[in-house]
C-alpha atoms as a PDB file:
ATOM      1  CA  MET A   1     -60.563 -38.123 -14.998  1.00  0.00           C
ATOM      2  CA  LYS A   2     -59.325 -35.163 -12.963  1.00  0.00           C
ATOM      3  CA  TYR A   3     -55.769 -35.895 -14.116  1.00  0.00           C
ATOM      4  CA  LEU A   4     -56.830 -35.649 -17.730  1.00  0.00           C
ATOM      5  CA  VAL A   5     -55.812 -32.206 -18.869  1.00  0.00           C
ATOM      6  CA  PRO A   6     -56.995 -31.519 -22.386  1.00  0.00           C
ATOM      7  CA  LEU A   7     -54.396 -30.445 -24.876  1.00  0.00           C
ATOM      8  CA  LEU A   8     -55.248 -27.200 -26.506  1.00  0.00           C
ATOM      9  CA  ALA A   9     -54.930 -26.551 -30.180  1.00  0.00           C
ATOM     10  CA  VAL A  10     -56.324 -23.200 -31.170  1.00  0.00           C
ATOM     11  CA  CYS A  11     -56.170 -23.361 -34.935  1.00  0.00           C
ATOM     12  CA  LEU A  12     -56.504 -20.585 -37.335  1.00  0.00           C
ATOM     13  CA  LEU A  13     -57.844 -20.162 -40.754  1.00  0.00           C
ATOM     14  CA  ALA A  14     -55.400 -19.363 -43.507  1.00  0.00           C
ATOM     15  CA  ALA A  15     -55.534 -15.895 -44.957  1.00  0.00           C
ATOM     16  CA  CYS A  16     -56.692 -15.705 -48.522  1.00  0.00           C
ATOM     17  CA  THR A  17     -55.282 -12.918 -50.662  1.00  0.00           C
ATOM     18  CA  SER A  18     -58.327 -12.618 -52.911  1.00  0.00           C
ATOM     19  CA  ARG A  19     -60.827 -12.502 -50.059  1.00  0.00           C
ATOM     20  CA  PRO A  20     -59.811 -10.669 -46.889  1.00  0.00           C
ATOM     21  CA  THR A  21     -62.665 -12.228 -44.897  1.00  0.00           C
ATOM     22  CA  THR A  22     -60.747 -15.273 -43.654  1.00  0.00           C
ATOM     23  CA  SER A  23     -57.666 -14.675 -41.575  1.00  0.00           C
ATOM     24  CA  GLY A  24     -56.636 -15.447 -38.066  1.00  0.00           C
ATOM     25  CA  ILE A  25     -54.301 -16.246 -35.253  1.00  0.00           C
ATOM     26  CA  SER A  26     -53.789 -19.460 -33.290  1.00  0.00           C
ATOM     27  CA  VAL A  27     -52.087 -20.941 -30.294  1.00  0.00           C
ATOM     28  CA  GLU A  28     -51.228 -24.491 -29.250  1.00  0.00           C
ATOM     29  CA  GLN A  29     -51.064 -25.571 -25.642  1.00  0.00           C
ATOM     30  CA  ALA A  30     -49.091 -28.617 -24.633  1.00  0.00           C
ATOM     31  CA  SER A  31     -48.489 -27.098 -21.221  1.00  0.00           C
ATOM     32  CA  ALA A  32     -49.184 -23.821 -19.453  1.00  0.00           C
ATOM     33  CA  GLN A  33     -46.778 -21.984 -21.782  1.00  0.00           C
ATOM     34  CA  TYR A  34     -49.256 -21.493 -24.624  1.00  0.00           C
ATOM     35  CA  GLN A  35     -48.081 -17.887 -25.101  1.00  0.00           C
ATOM     36  CA  GLN A  36     -44.663 -19.083 -26.248  1.00  0.00           C
ATOM     37  CA  GLN A  37     -46.228 -21.166 -29.038  1.00  0.00           C
ATOM     38  CA  LEU A  38     -48.335 -18.471 -30.683  1.00  0.00           C
ATOM     39  CA  LYS A  39     -48.670 -18.892 -34.447  1.00  0.00           C
ATOM     40  CA  VAL A  40     -49.693 -15.980 -36.616  1.00  0.00           C
ATOM     41  CA  ASP A  41     -50.891 -16.685 -40.137  1.00  0.00           C
ATOM     42  CA  ASN A  42     -51.966 -13.144 -40.970  1.00  0.00           C
ATOM     43  CA  PRO A  43     -49.418 -10.600 -39.698  1.00  0.00           C
ATOM     44  CA  GLU A  44     -51.885  -7.703 -39.974  1.00  0.00           C
ATOM     45  CA  LEU A  45     -54.472  -9.423 -37.799  1.00  0.00           C
ATOM     46  CA  GLY A  46     -51.716 -10.766 -35.537  1.00  0.00           C
ATOM     47  CA  LYS A  47     -50.744  -7.195 -34.714  1.00  0.00           C
ATOM     48  CA  LYS A  48     -54.337  -6.422 -33.698  1.00  0.00           C
ATOM     49  CA  LEU A  49     -55.264  -9.541 -31.670  1.00  0.00           C
ATOM     50  CA  ALA A  50     -53.779 -11.670 -28.923  1.00  0.00           C
ATOM     51  CA  ILE A  51     -54.889 -14.750 -27.033  1.00  0.00           C
ATOM     52  CA  THR A  52     -54.065 -13.749 -23.479  1.00  0.00           C
ATOM     53  CA  ASP A  53     -55.549 -16.594 -21.440  1.00  0.00           C
ATOM     54  CA  VAL A  54     -56.909 -20.104 -21.839  1.00  0.00           C
ATOM     55  CA  LYS A  55     -58.738 -21.836 -19.000  1.00  0.00           C
ATOM     56  CA  THR A  56     -60.110 -25.369 -18.957  1.00  0.00           C
ATOM     57  CA  ARG A  57     -61.979 -27.411 -16.371  1.00  0.00           C
ATOM     58  CA  GLN A  58     -64.070 -30.555 -16.116  1.00  0.00           C
ATOM     59  CA  THR A  59     -67.812 -29.999 -15.640  1.00  0.00           C
ATOM     60  CA  ASN A  60     -69.922 -33.168 -15.316  1.00  0.00           C
ATOM     61  CA  GLN A  61     -67.288 -35.149 -17.267  1.00  0.00           C
ATOM     62  CA  LEU A  62     -67.291 -32.553 -20.074  1.00  0.00           C
ATOM     63  CA  THR A  63     -64.433 -30.198 -20.851  1.00  0.00           C
ATOM     64  CA  ASP A  64     -65.336 -26.562 -20.361  1.00  0.00           C
ATOM     65  CA  VAL A  65     -63.049 -23.938 -21.917  1.00  0.00           C
ATOM     66  CA  VAL A  66     -62.770 -20.156 -21.923  1.00  0.00           C
ATOM     67  CA  VAL A  67     -60.338 -18.425 -24.285  1.00  0.00           C
ATOM     68  CA  THR A  68     -59.634 -14.723 -23.679  1.00  0.00           C
ATOM     69  CA  LEU A  69     -59.169 -12.752 -26.880  1.00  0.00           C
ATOM     70  CA  SER A  70     -57.595  -9.294 -26.476  1.00  0.00           C
ATOM     71  CA  SER A  71     -57.500  -6.362 -28.830  1.00  0.00           C
ATOM     72  CA  LYS A  72     -54.192  -4.578 -29.318  1.00  0.00           C
ATOM     73  CA  TYR A  73     -55.839  -2.136 -31.729  1.00  0.00           C
ATOM     74  CA  LYS A  74     -57.495   1.209 -30.993  1.00  0.00           C
ATOM     75  CA  LYS A  75     -60.535   0.717 -33.241  1.00  0.00           C
ATOM     76  CA  SER A  76     -63.343  -1.823 -33.135  1.00  0.00           C
ATOM     77  CA  GLN A  77     -62.751  -5.126 -34.929  1.00  0.00           C
ATOM     78  CA  TYR A  78     -65.502  -7.160 -36.533  1.00  0.00           C
ATOM     79  CA  LEU A  79     -64.684 -10.836 -36.142  1.00  0.00           C
ATOM     80  CA  GLN A  80     -66.177 -14.312 -36.225  1.00  0.00           C
ATOM     81  CA  TYR A  81     -65.122 -17.339 -34.190  1.00  0.00           C
ATOM     82  CA  GLN A  82     -65.864 -21.067 -34.209  1.00  0.00           C
ATOM     83  CA  PHE A  83     -64.906 -23.924 -31.872  1.00  0.00           C
ATOM     84  CA  THR A  84     -64.263 -27.481 -33.088  1.00  0.00           C
ATOM     85  CA  TRP A  85     -63.782 -30.408 -30.688  1.00  0.00           C
ATOM     86  CA  TYR A  86     -61.571 -33.491 -31.199  1.00  0.00           C
ATOM     87  CA  ASP A  87     -61.415 -36.906 -29.547  1.00  0.00           C
ATOM     88  CA  GLY A  88     -58.322 -38.478 -27.984  1.00  0.00           C
ATOM     89  CA  ASP A  89     -57.113 -39.745 -31.370  1.00  0.00           C
ATOM     90  CA  GLY A  90     -57.339 -36.285 -32.947  1.00  0.00           C
ATOM     91  CA  PHE A  91     -60.476 -36.909 -35.000  1.00  0.00           C
ATOM     92  CA  VAL A  92     -63.186 -34.271 -35.264  1.00  0.00           C
ATOM     93  CA  ILE A  93     -66.256 -35.181 -33.248  1.00  0.00           C
ATOM     94  CA  LYS A  94     -68.987 -35.354 -35.862  1.00  0.00           C
ATOM     95  CA  GLY A  95     -71.852 -32.919 -35.709  1.00  0.00           C
ATOM     96  CA  ASN A  96     -70.223 -30.636 -33.170  1.00  0.00           C
ATOM     97  CA  HIS A  97     -69.276 -27.731 -35.407  1.00  0.00           C
ATOM     98  CA  SER A  98     -70.728 -24.636 -33.904  1.00  0.00           C
ATOM     99  CA  PRO A  99     -71.844 -21.982 -36.351  1.00  0.00           C
ATOM    100  CA  TRP A 100     -69.610 -18.976 -36.841  1.00  0.00           C
ATOM    101  CA  GLN A 101     -70.371 -16.552 -34.029  1.00  0.00           C
ATOM    102  CA  ALA A 102     -70.194 -12.812 -34.678  1.00  0.00           C
ATOM    103  CA  LEU A 103     -68.028 -10.791 -32.333  1.00  0.00           C
ATOM    104  CA  THR A 104     -67.353  -7.066 -32.101  1.00  0.00           C
ATOM    105  CA  LEU A 105     -64.140  -6.498 -30.186  1.00  0.00           C
ATOM    106  CA  PHE A 106     -63.837  -2.861 -29.182  1.00  0.00           C
ATOM    107  CA  GLY A 107     -60.505  -1.051 -29.067  1.00  0.00           C
ATOM    108  CA  PHE A 108     -58.097  -2.477 -26.451  1.00  0.00           C
ATOM    109  CA  ALA A 109     -60.886  -4.633 -24.984  1.00  0.00           C
ATOM    110  CA  ASN A 110     -60.819  -8.249 -23.795  1.00  0.00           C
ATOM    111  CA  MET A 111     -63.524 -10.792 -24.593  1.00  0.00           C
ATOM    112  CA  GLN A 112     -63.966 -14.283 -23.163  1.00  0.00           C
ATOM    113  CA  LEU A 113     -65.051 -16.908 -25.685  1.00  0.00           C
ATOM    114  CA  PRO A 114     -66.629 -19.927 -23.928  1.00  0.00           C
ATOM    115  CA  SER A 115     -67.315 -23.424 -25.197  1.00  0.00           C
ATOM    116  CA  LEU A 116     -68.436 -26.722 -23.680  1.00  0.00           C
ATOM    117  CA  ALA A 117     -67.425 -30.070 -25.166  1.00  0.00           C
ATOM    118  CA  PRO A 118     -70.376 -31.838 -26.800  1.00  0.00           C
ATOM    119  CA  THR A 119     -69.407 -35.257 -25.366  1.00  0.00           C
ATOM    120  CA  SER A 120     -67.084 -36.691 -22.743  1.00  0.00           C
ATOM    121  CA  ASP A 121     -64.943 -38.073 -25.591  1.00  0.00           C
ATOM    122  CA  ALA A 122     -63.788 -34.555 -26.477  1.00  0.00           C
ATOM    123  CA  VAL A 123     -60.316 -33.898 -25.105  1.00  0.00           C
ATOM    124  CA  THR A 124     -58.935 -31.154 -27.370  1.00  0.00           C
ATOM    125  CA  PHE A 125     -60.385 -28.315 -29.363  1.00  0.00           C
ATOM    126  CA  SER A 126     -59.548 -25.682 -31.887  1.00  0.00           C
ATOM    127  CA  LEU A 127     -60.724 -22.125 -32.099  1.00  0.00           C
ATOM    128  CA  ALA A 128     -60.755 -20.329 -35.432  1.00  0.00           C
ATOM    129  CA  VAL A 129     -60.952 -16.553 -35.486  1.00  0.00           C
ATOM    130  CA  ARG A 130     -61.373 -14.587 -38.674  1.00  0.00           C
ATOM    131  CA  GLU A 131     -61.833 -10.985 -39.638  1.00  0.00           C
ATOM    132  CA  VAL A 132     -65.064  -9.961 -41.333  1.00  0.00           C
ATOM    133  CA  SER A 133     -64.794  -7.473 -44.158  1.00  0.00           C
ATOM    134  CA  THR A 134     -66.901  -4.377 -43.617  1.00  0.00           C
ATOM    135  CA  GLU A 135     -66.563  -3.331 -47.259  1.00  0.00           C
ATOM    136  CA  ALA A 136     -69.524  -3.862 -49.532  1.00  0.00           C
ATOM    137  CA  GLN A 137     -68.935  -6.724 -51.920  1.00  0.00           C
ATOM    138  CA  GLU A 138     -70.422  -6.503 -55.368  1.00  0.00           C
ATOM    139  CA  PHE A 139     -70.850  -9.124 -58.048  1.00  0.00           C
ATOM    140  CA  LYS A 140     -68.726  -8.429 -61.098  1.00  0.00           C
ATOM    141  CA  LYS A 141     -69.565  -9.532 -64.609  1.00  0.00           C
END
């Protein structure tokens, strides 16, 4: 079990032009060079955020992960994040979706986002990060 190194797939949500509340960045890790495989779906958010470190370890036969999210922007950013865990075949482990967690990332700050696999079957995960609109949204007729 100690030789089992979970593959990392930090997925992102696609940006939607009509609603600026879902956008993100992602990274995939097949080895320690996850920084070379960074994928940016929203260039504006990609300029403001970076994933600077990903650490995993085995804790009581469960995968424990910490992803460090860094701000490259001078102002505070209002974000949400969510982890999803997958089994060895790439299927989502049912019932493990964590709720969206609110996160305020201050200017040029780093924040560690932790997660623990719900079962020992979980070998990979994804992390979705999206921007939360601070503008008031009104219903239109």
